[in-house]
Amino acid sequence: MIEEGTMTGTSPGVAAWETIGAHMAEREAERRDQMRHMRFDTIAVHGIYDAQAALANQGSINEPLFLSPAQHFVESDQMETALAYRMPAWTYTRIANPTVHYLEETLALLETYGSDVHASACATASGMAAVFMATEPFLVVEPSLPPPNIVASAKCYGGTFMLFSERYGRERGIDNLSPRCNARNRKPASSLAARENGGVRISPCSHASGLSFGLIR
């Protein structure tokens, strides 16, 4: 949730766009909460894209494909606010664009369907980018802790095998691949367990909350 007036020392123009952004984020949050009570198929078709969004997109009843690499801004203050992530917007399509945003919102709602869990999603251009993004944060070396390691089967997808064995294992010394991925192979310092079955399921071993990360290829 974006709060109004949280940036200090900003120009009046930026502050005004911050306020606009806060209202935009609030409306999107309300729409997200509304869709959480819809049926699975309704969420899959519409996500958070509604009639108001359609009117803002020339009446398109489906999310339009944004093929432009960048966005036009009304003025420099709006661009400054967007670049600081102080309002819902996009500046460069490699980072995000509205098409990807609607996809991520829909996936997050479908992933948590029928539960009280609130989630977010991040779409990537490839499955390997998703695997890297999901595993890298759990492999930070902390001097006060034993070296991190991954519990993963050696029978995983070839790209995942190379990431774990070469990039993580050979280059960074992170112990990872086992004949089987099960609880008996876990170590006290195990950072995560990775299991592939069509998609990939990443579970951080060190989190007692049982959080898991699903990656869709």
C-alpha atoms as a PDB file:
ATOM      1  CA  MET A   1       0.000   0.000   0.000  1.00  0.00           C
ATOM      2  CA  ILE A   2       1.384   3.394  -1.005  1.00  0.00           C
ATOM      3  CA  GLU A   3       0.953   6.014   1.689  1.00  0.00           C
ATOM      4  CA  GLU A   4       0.307   9.632   0.877  1.00  0.00           C
ATOM      5  CA  GLY A   5       3.041  12.152   1.552  1.00  0.00           C
ATOM      6  CA  THR A   6       5.722   9.617   2.534  1.00  0.00           C
ATOM      7  CA  MET A   7       8.547  11.191   0.530  1.00  0.00           C
ATOM      8  CA  THR A   8      10.317  14.081   2.254  1.00  0.00           C
ATOM      9  CA  GLY A   9      11.861  17.054   0.526  1.00  0.00           C
ATOM     10  CA  THR A  10       9.894  16.505  -2.685  1.00  0.00           C
ATOM     11  CA  SER A  11       8.442  19.106  -4.980  1.00  0.00           C
ATOM     12  CA  PRO A  12       4.720  19.939  -4.867  1.00  0.00           C
ATOM     13  CA  GLY A  13       4.317  18.285  -8.259  1.00  0.00           C
ATOM     14  CA  VAL A  14       5.778  14.988  -7.059  1.00  0.00           C
ATOM     15  CA  ALA A  15       3.695  15.164  -3.888  1.00  0.00           C
ATOM     16  CA  ALA A  16       0.570  15.599  -6.011  1.00  0.00           C
ATOM     17  CA  TRP A  17       1.413  12.519  -8.082  1.00  0.00           C
ATOM     18  CA  GLU A  18       2.112  10.608  -4.883  1.00  0.00           C
ATOM     19  CA  THR A  19      -1.428  11.361  -3.754  1.00  0.00           C
ATOM     20  CA  ILE A  20      -2.813  10.248  -7.124  1.00  0.00           C
ATOM     21  CA  GLY A  21      -0.745   7.075  -6.878  1.00  0.00           C
ATOM     22  CA  ALA A  22      -2.037   6.349  -3.384  1.00  0.00           C
ATOM     23  CA  HIS A  23      -5.619   6.513  -4.631  1.00  0.00           C
ATOM     24  CA  MET A  24      -4.762   4.286  -7.615  1.00  0.00           C
ATOM     25  CA  ALA A  25      -3.161   1.689  -5.326  1.00  0.00           C
ATOM     26  CA  GLU A  26      -6.117   1.833  -2.944  1.00  0.00           C
ATOM     27  CA  ARG A  27      -8.601   1.198  -5.726  1.00  0.00           C
ATOM     28  CA  GLU A  28      -6.533  -1.715  -7.055  1.00  0.00           C
ATOM     29  CA  ALA A  29      -6.374  -3.224  -3.553  1.00  0.00           C
ATOM     30  CA  GLU A  30     -10.161  -2.958  -3.277  1.00  0.00           C
ATOM     31  CA  ARG A  31     -10.570  -4.655  -6.648  1.00  0.00           C
ATOM     32  CA  ARG A  32      -8.147  -7.411  -5.582  1.00  0.00           C
ATOM     33  CA  ASP A  33     -10.116  -8.054  -2.380  1.00  0.00           C
ATOM     34  CA  GLN A  34     -13.351  -8.132  -4.383  1.00  0.00           C
ATOM     35  CA  MET A  35     -12.008 -10.728  -6.818  1.00  0.00           C
ATOM     36  CA  ARG A  36     -10.806 -12.981  -3.988  1.00  0.00           C
ATOM     37  CA  HIS A  37     -14.467 -13.888  -3.390  1.00  0.00           C
ATOM     38  CA  MET A  38     -15.167 -14.814  -7.014  1.00  0.00           C
ATOM     39  CA  ARG A  39     -15.091 -18.297  -8.500  1.00  0.00           C
ATOM     40  CA  PHE A  40     -11.841 -19.736  -9.811  1.00  0.00           C
ATOM     41  CA  ASP A  41     -12.880 -19.518 -13.477  1.00  0.00           C
ATOM     42  CA  THR A  42     -14.004 -15.897 -13.082  1.00  0.00           C
ATOM     43  CA  ILE A  43     -10.637 -14.959 -11.622  1.00  0.00           C
ATOM     44  CA  ALA A  44      -8.825 -16.812 -14.416  1.00  0.00           C
ATOM     45  CA  VAL A  45     -10.747 -14.872 -17.072  1.00  0.00           C
ATOM     46  CA  HIS A  46     -10.837 -11.396 -15.549  1.00  0.00           C
ATOM     47  CA  GLY A  47      -8.187 -11.125 -12.834  1.00  0.00           C
ATOM     48  CA  ILE A  48      -8.376  -7.554 -11.533  1.00  0.00           C
ATOM     49  CA  TYR A  49      -9.226  -6.122 -14.973  1.00  0.00           C
ATOM     50  CA  ASP A  50     -12.701  -4.575 -14.722  1.00  0.00           C
ATOM     51  CA  ALA A  51     -15.050  -2.228 -16.549  1.00  0.00           C
ATOM     52  CA  GLN A  52     -13.244   0.884 -15.339  1.00  0.00           C
ATOM     53  CA  ALA A  53      -9.937  -0.477 -16.614  1.00  0.00           C
ATOM     54  CA  ALA A  54     -11.618  -1.308 -19.925  1.00  0.00           C
ATOM     55  CA  LEU A  55     -12.874   2.267 -20.297  1.00  0.00           C
ATOM     56  CA  ALA A  56      -9.343   3.509 -19.673  1.00  0.00           C
ATOM     57  CA  ASN A  57      -8.126   1.227 -22.500  1.00  0.00           C
ATOM     58  CA  GLN A  58     -10.426   2.296 -25.333  1.00  0.00           C
ATOM     59  CA  GLY A  59     -13.144  -0.110 -24.172  1.00  0.00           C
ATOM     60  CA  SER A  60     -11.080  -3.288 -24.574  1.00  0.00           C
ATOM     61  CA  ILE A  61     -12.888  -6.026 -22.637  1.00  0.00           C
ATOM     62  CA  ASN A  62      -9.643  -8.019 -22.360  1.00  0.00           C
ATOM     63  CA  GLU A  63      -6.316  -6.778 -21.085  1.00  0.00           C
ATOM     64  CA  PRO A  64      -4.578  -5.185 -24.092  1.00  0.00           C
ATOM     65  CA  LEU A  65      -1.040  -6.134 -25.050  1.00  0.00           C
ATOM     66  CA  PHE A  66       1.314  -3.254 -24.383  1.00  0.00           C
ATOM     67  CA  LEU A  67       4.053  -3.550 -26.995  1.00  0.00           C
ATOM     68  CA  SER A  68       5.702  -0.174 -26.384  1.00  0.00           C
ATOM     69  CA  PRO A  69       9.111  -0.301 -24.639  1.00  0.00           C
ATOM     70  CA  ALA A  70       8.364   2.766 -22.536  1.00  0.00           C
ATOM     71  CA  GLN A  71       5.523   4.911 -21.232  1.00  0.00           C
ATOM     72  CA  HIS A  72       4.582   8.510 -21.944  1.00  0.00           C
ATOM     73  CA  PHE A  73       4.357  10.793 -18.910  1.00  0.00           C
ATOM     74  CA  VAL A  74       2.325  13.943 -18.534  1.00  0.00           C
ATOM     75  CA  GLU A  75       5.262  15.768 -16.964  1.00  0.00           C
ATOM     76  CA  SER A  76       8.634  15.150 -15.367  1.00  0.00           C
ATOM     77  CA  ASP A  77       7.106  15.061 -11.853  1.00  0.00           C
ATOM     78  CA  GLN A  78       4.988  12.056 -12.801  1.00  0.00           C
ATOM     79  CA  MET A  79       8.013  10.260 -14.216  1.00  0.00           C
ATOM     80  CA  GLU A  80      10.056  11.035 -11.103  1.00  0.00           C
ATOM     81  CA  THR A  81       7.303   9.593  -8.907  1.00  0.00           C
ATOM     82  CA  ALA A  82       7.003   6.494 -11.093  1.00  0.00           C
ATOM     83  CA  LEU A  83      10.769   5.889 -11.138  1.00  0.00           C
ATOM     84  CA  ALA A  84      10.775   6.064  -7.329  1.00  0.00           C
ATOM     85  CA  TYR A  85       7.968   3.438  -7.216  1.00  0.00           C
ATOM     86  CA  ARG A  86       5.742   5.906  -5.388  1.00  0.00           C
ATOM     87  CA  MET A  87       2.753   5.324  -7.665  1.00  0.00           C
ATOM     88  CA  PRO A  88       1.422   2.438  -9.785  1.00  0.00           C
ATOM     89  CA  ALA A  89       3.082   2.984 -13.159  1.00  0.00           C
ATOM     90  CA  TRP A  90       5.720   1.607 -15.460  1.00  0.00           C
ATOM     91  CA  THR A  91       8.696   3.264 -17.100  1.00  0.00           C
ATOM     92  CA  TYR A  92      10.424   0.523 -19.081  1.00  0.00           C
ATOM     93  CA  THR A  93       8.922  -2.722 -20.302  1.00  0.00           C
ATOM     94  CA  ARG A  94      11.920  -4.854 -19.240  1.00  0.00           C
ATOM     95  CA  ILE A  95      11.026  -4.024 -15.646  1.00  0.00           C
ATOM     96  CA  ALA A  96       7.244  -4.215 -15.934  1.00  0.00           C
ATOM     97  CA  ASN A  97       4.308  -3.175 -18.059  1.00  0.00           C
ATOM     98  CA  PRO A  98       0.498  -3.308 -17.635  1.00  0.00           C
ATOM     99  CA  THR A  99       0.123  -6.585 -19.551  1.00  0.00           C
ATOM    100  CA  VAL A 100       2.596  -8.372 -17.277  1.00  0.00           C
ATOM    101  CA  HIS A 101       1.069  -6.692 -14.232  1.00  0.00           C
ATOM    102  CA  TYR A 102      -2.406  -8.087 -14.963  1.00  0.00           C
ATOM    103  CA  LEU A 103      -0.900 -11.550 -15.508  1.00  0.00           C
ATOM    104  CA  GLU A 104       0.942 -11.411 -12.175  1.00  0.00           C
ATOM    105  CA  GLU A 105      -2.170 -10.269 -10.318  1.00  0.00           C
ATOM    106  CA  THR A 106      -4.229 -13.091 -11.836  1.00  0.00           C
ATOM    107  CA  LEU A 107      -1.635 -15.752 -11.003  1.00  0.00           C
ATOM    108  CA  ALA A 108      -1.367 -14.521  -7.407  1.00  0.00           C
ATOM    109  CA  LEU A 109      -5.153 -14.692  -6.958  1.00  0.00           C
ATOM    110  CA  LEU A 110      -5.354 -18.173  -8.495  1.00  0.00           C
ATOM    111  CA  GLU A 111      -2.449 -19.458  -6.389  1.00  0.00           C
ATOM    112  CA  THR A 112      -4.207 -18.431  -3.171  1.00  0.00           C
ATOM    113  CA  TYR A 113      -7.741 -19.285  -4.283  1.00  0.00           C
ATOM    114  CA  GLY A 114     -10.005 -20.368  -1.432  1.00  0.00           C
ATOM    115  CA  SER A 115      -7.526 -19.418   1.289  1.00  0.00           C
ATOM    116  CA  ASP A 116      -6.818 -16.460   3.551  1.00  0.00           C
ATOM    117  CA  VAL A 117      -3.295 -16.145   2.178  1.00  0.00           C
ATOM    118  CA  HIS A 118      -2.329 -12.956   0.357  1.00  0.00           C
ATOM    119  CA  ALA A 119       0.349 -13.408  -2.270  1.00  0.00           C
ATOM    120  CA  SER A 120       2.099 -11.619  -5.081  1.00  0.00           C
ATOM    121  CA  ALA A 121       3.609 -12.997  -8.276  1.00  0.00           C
ATOM    122  CA  CYS A 122       6.567 -12.106 -10.455  1.00  0.00           C
ATOM    123  CA  ALA A 123       6.540 -13.133 -14.117  1.00  0.00           C
ATOM    124  CA  THR A 124       9.880 -13.743 -15.799  1.00  0.00           C
ATOM    125  CA  ALA A 125      10.924 -14.183 -19.418  1.00  0.00           C
ATOM    126  CA  SER A 126      12.175 -17.742 -18.854  1.00  0.00           C
ATOM    127  CA  GLY A 127      11.862 -20.649 -16.461  1.00  0.00           C
ATOM    128  CA  MET A 128      15.532 -20.442 -15.544  1.00  0.00           C
ATOM    129  CA  ALA A 129      15.182 -16.786 -14.603  1.00  0.00           C
ATOM    130  CA  ALA A 130      12.351 -17.817 -12.289  1.00  0.00           C
ATOM    131  CA  VAL A 131      14.406 -20.627 -10.717  1.00  0.00           C
ATOM    132  CA  PHE A 132      17.341 -18.264 -10.125  1.00  0.00           C
ATOM    133  CA  MET A 133      15.160 -15.542  -8.600  1.00  0.00           C
ATOM    134  CA  ALA A 134      13.445 -18.021  -6.291  1.00  0.00           C
ATOM    135  CA  THR A 135      16.628 -19.691  -5.043  1.00  0.00           C
ATOM    136  CA  GLU A 136      19.245 -16.933  -4.904  1.00  0.00           C
ATOM    137  CA  PRO A 137      17.821 -15.070  -1.851  1.00  0.00           C
ATOM    138  CA  PHE A 138      18.152 -18.208   0.297  1.00  0.00           C
ATOM    139  CA  LEU A 139      21.811 -18.779  -0.553  1.00  0.00           C
ATOM    140  CA  VAL A 140      23.376 -15.679   0.970  1.00  0.00           C
ATOM    141  CA  VAL A 141      26.511 -16.617   2.899  1.00  0.00           C
ATOM    142  CA  GLU A 142      26.277 -15.547   6.535  1.00  0.00           C
ATOM    143  CA  PRO A 143      29.589 -15.893   8.450  1.00  0.00           C
ATOM    144  CA  SER A 144      27.800 -16.696  11.720  1.00  0.00           C
ATOM    145  CA  LEU A 145      25.958 -19.662  10.142  1.00  0.00           C
ATOM    146  CA  PRO A 146      27.055 -22.917   8.461  1.00  0.00           C
ATOM    147  CA  PRO A 147      27.471 -22.700   4.672  1.00  0.00           C
ATOM    148  CA  PRO A 148      24.113 -22.861   2.847  1.00  0.00           C
ATOM    149  CA  ASN A 149      23.130 -25.914   0.865  1.00  0.00           C
ATOM    150  CA  ILE A 150      20.286 -27.039  -1.395  1.00  0.00           C
ATOM    151  CA  VAL A 151      18.386 -30.315  -1.180  1.00  0.00           C
ATOM    152  CA  ALA A 152      17.594 -31.244  -4.785  1.00  0.00           C
ATOM    153  CA  SER A 153      17.439 -34.349  -6.934  1.00  0.00           C
ATOM    154  CA  ALA A 154      20.152 -34.873  -9.541  1.00  0.00           C
ATOM    155  CA  LYS A 155      17.331 -35.914 -11.909  1.00  0.00           C
ATOM    156  CA  CYS A 156      16.030 -32.344 -12.193  1.00  0.00           C
ATOM    157  CA  TYR A 157      15.732 -30.375 -15.429  1.00  0.00           C
ATOM    158  CA  GLY A 158      19.044 -29.875 -17.236  1.00  0.00           C
ATOM    159  CA  GLY A 159      19.089 -26.096 -16.866  1.00  0.00           C
ATOM    160  CA  THR A 160      18.329 -26.361 -13.151  1.00  0.00           C
ATOM    161  CA  PHE A 161      21.035 -29.037 -12.815  1.00  0.00           C
ATOM    162  CA  MET A 162      23.606 -26.712 -14.388  1.00  0.00           C
ATOM    163  CA  LEU A 163      22.544 -23.770 -12.218  1.00  0.00           C
ATOM    164  CA  PHE A 164      22.790 -25.816  -9.023  1.00  0.00           C
ATOM    165  CA  SER A 165      25.889 -27.860  -9.874  1.00  0.00           C
ATOM    166  CA  GLU A 166      27.963 -25.300 -11.807  1.00  0.00           C
ATOM    167  CA  ARG A 167      26.877 -21.778 -10.819  1.00  0.00           C
ATOM    168  CA  TYR A 168      26.020 -22.598  -7.203  1.00  0.00           C
ATOM    169  CA  GLY A 169      28.121 -25.708  -6.597  1.00  0.00           C
ATOM    170  CA  ARG A 170      31.388 -25.327  -8.483  1.00  0.00           C
ATOM    171  CA  GLU A 171      31.632 -21.530  -8.512  1.00  0.00           C
ATOM    172  CA  ARG A 172      30.233 -20.761  -5.048  1.00  0.00           C
ATOM    173  CA  GLY A 173      30.843 -24.012  -3.193  1.00  0.00           C
ATOM    174  CA  ILE A 174      27.204 -24.604  -2.262  1.00  0.00           C
ATOM    175  CA  ASP A 175      26.454 -28.279  -1.642  1.00  0.00           C
ATOM    176  CA  ASN A 176      23.303 -29.179  -3.536  1.00  0.00           C
ATOM    177  CA  LEU A 177      22.492 -32.283  -5.599  1.00  0.00           C
ATOM    178  CA  SER A 178      21.462 -35.624  -4.087  1.00  0.00           C
ATOM    179  CA  PRO A 179      20.087 -38.804  -5.711  1.00  0.00           C
ATOM    180  CA  ARG A 180      16.763 -38.044  -4.061  1.00  0.00           C
ATOM    181  CA  CYS A 181      15.078 -34.962  -2.687  1.00  0.00           C
ATOM    182  CA  ASN A 182      13.709 -35.927   0.724  1.00  0.00           C
ATOM    183  CA  ALA A 183      13.923 -35.050   4.401  1.00  0.00           C
ATOM    184  CA  ARG A 184      16.754 -37.544   5.069  1.00  0.00           C
ATOM    185  CA  ASN A 185      19.081 -35.497   2.840  1.00  0.00           C
ATOM    186  CA  ARG A 186      18.463 -32.248   4.672  1.00  0.00           C
ATOM    187  CA  LYS A 187      21.201 -30.760   6.814  1.00  0.00           C
ATOM    188  CA  PRO A 188      20.889 -28.340   9.736  1.00  0.00           C
ATOM    189  CA  ALA A 189      21.979 -25.535   7.428  1.00  0.00           C
ATOM    190  CA  SER A 190      19.806 -26.559   4.466  1.00  0.00           C
ATOM    191  CA  SER A 191      18.557 -23.367   2.867  1.00  0.00           C
ATOM    192  CA  LEU A 192      15.901 -24.784   0.585  1.00  0.00           C
ATOM    193  CA  ALA A 193      14.484 -27.928  -1.010  1.00  0.00           C
ATOM    194  CA  ALA A 194      13.853 -27.892  -4.761  1.00  0.00           C
ATOM    195  CA  ARG A 195      11.557 -30.412  -6.432  1.00  0.00           C
ATOM    196  CA  GLU A 196      10.572 -30.493 -10.103  1.00  0.00           C
ATOM    197  CA  ASN A 197       7.478 -32.116 -11.526  1.00  0.00           C
ATOM    198  CA  GLY A 198       6.503 -30.273 -14.686  1.00  0.00           C
ATOM    199  CA  GLY A 199       6.955 -27.024 -12.780  1.00  0.00           C
ATOM    200  CA  VAL A 200       9.246 -26.305  -9.851  1.00  0.00           C
ATOM    201  CA  ARG A 201       8.451 -26.132  -6.146  1.00  0.00           C
ATOM    202  CA  ILE A 202      10.917 -24.291  -3.949  1.00  0.00           C
ATOM    203  CA  SER A 203      10.529 -24.653  -0.177  1.00  0.00           C
ATOM    204  CA  PRO A 204      12.794 -22.708   2.214  1.00  0.00           C
ATOM    205  CA  CYS A 205      13.837 -25.255   4.842  1.00  0.00           C
ATOM    206  CA  SER A 206      14.732 -22.636   7.411  1.00  0.00           C
ATOM    207  CA  HIS A 207      11.237 -21.148   7.542  1.00  0.00           C
ATOM    208  CA  ALA A 208       9.027 -22.799  10.139  1.00  0.00           C
ATOM    209  CA  SER A 209       6.031 -21.030   8.597  1.00  0.00           C
ATOM    210  CA  GLY A 210       6.048 -23.519   5.728  1.00  0.00           C
ATOM    211  CA  LEU A 211       6.104 -20.876   3.017  1.00  0.00           C
ATOM    212  CA  SER A 212       6.644 -22.200  -0.472  1.00  0.00           C
ATOM    213  CA  PHE A 213       7.320 -20.703  -3.866  1.00  0.00           C
ATOM    214  CA  GLY A 214       5.706 -22.069  -7.016  1.00  0.00           C
ATOM    215  CA  LEU A 215       7.352 -21.546 -10.379  1.00  0.00           C
ATOM    216  CA  ILE A 216       5.327 -22.203 -13.534  1.00  0.00           C
ATOM    217  CA  ARG A 217       7.241 -23.089 -16.668  1.00  0.00           C
END
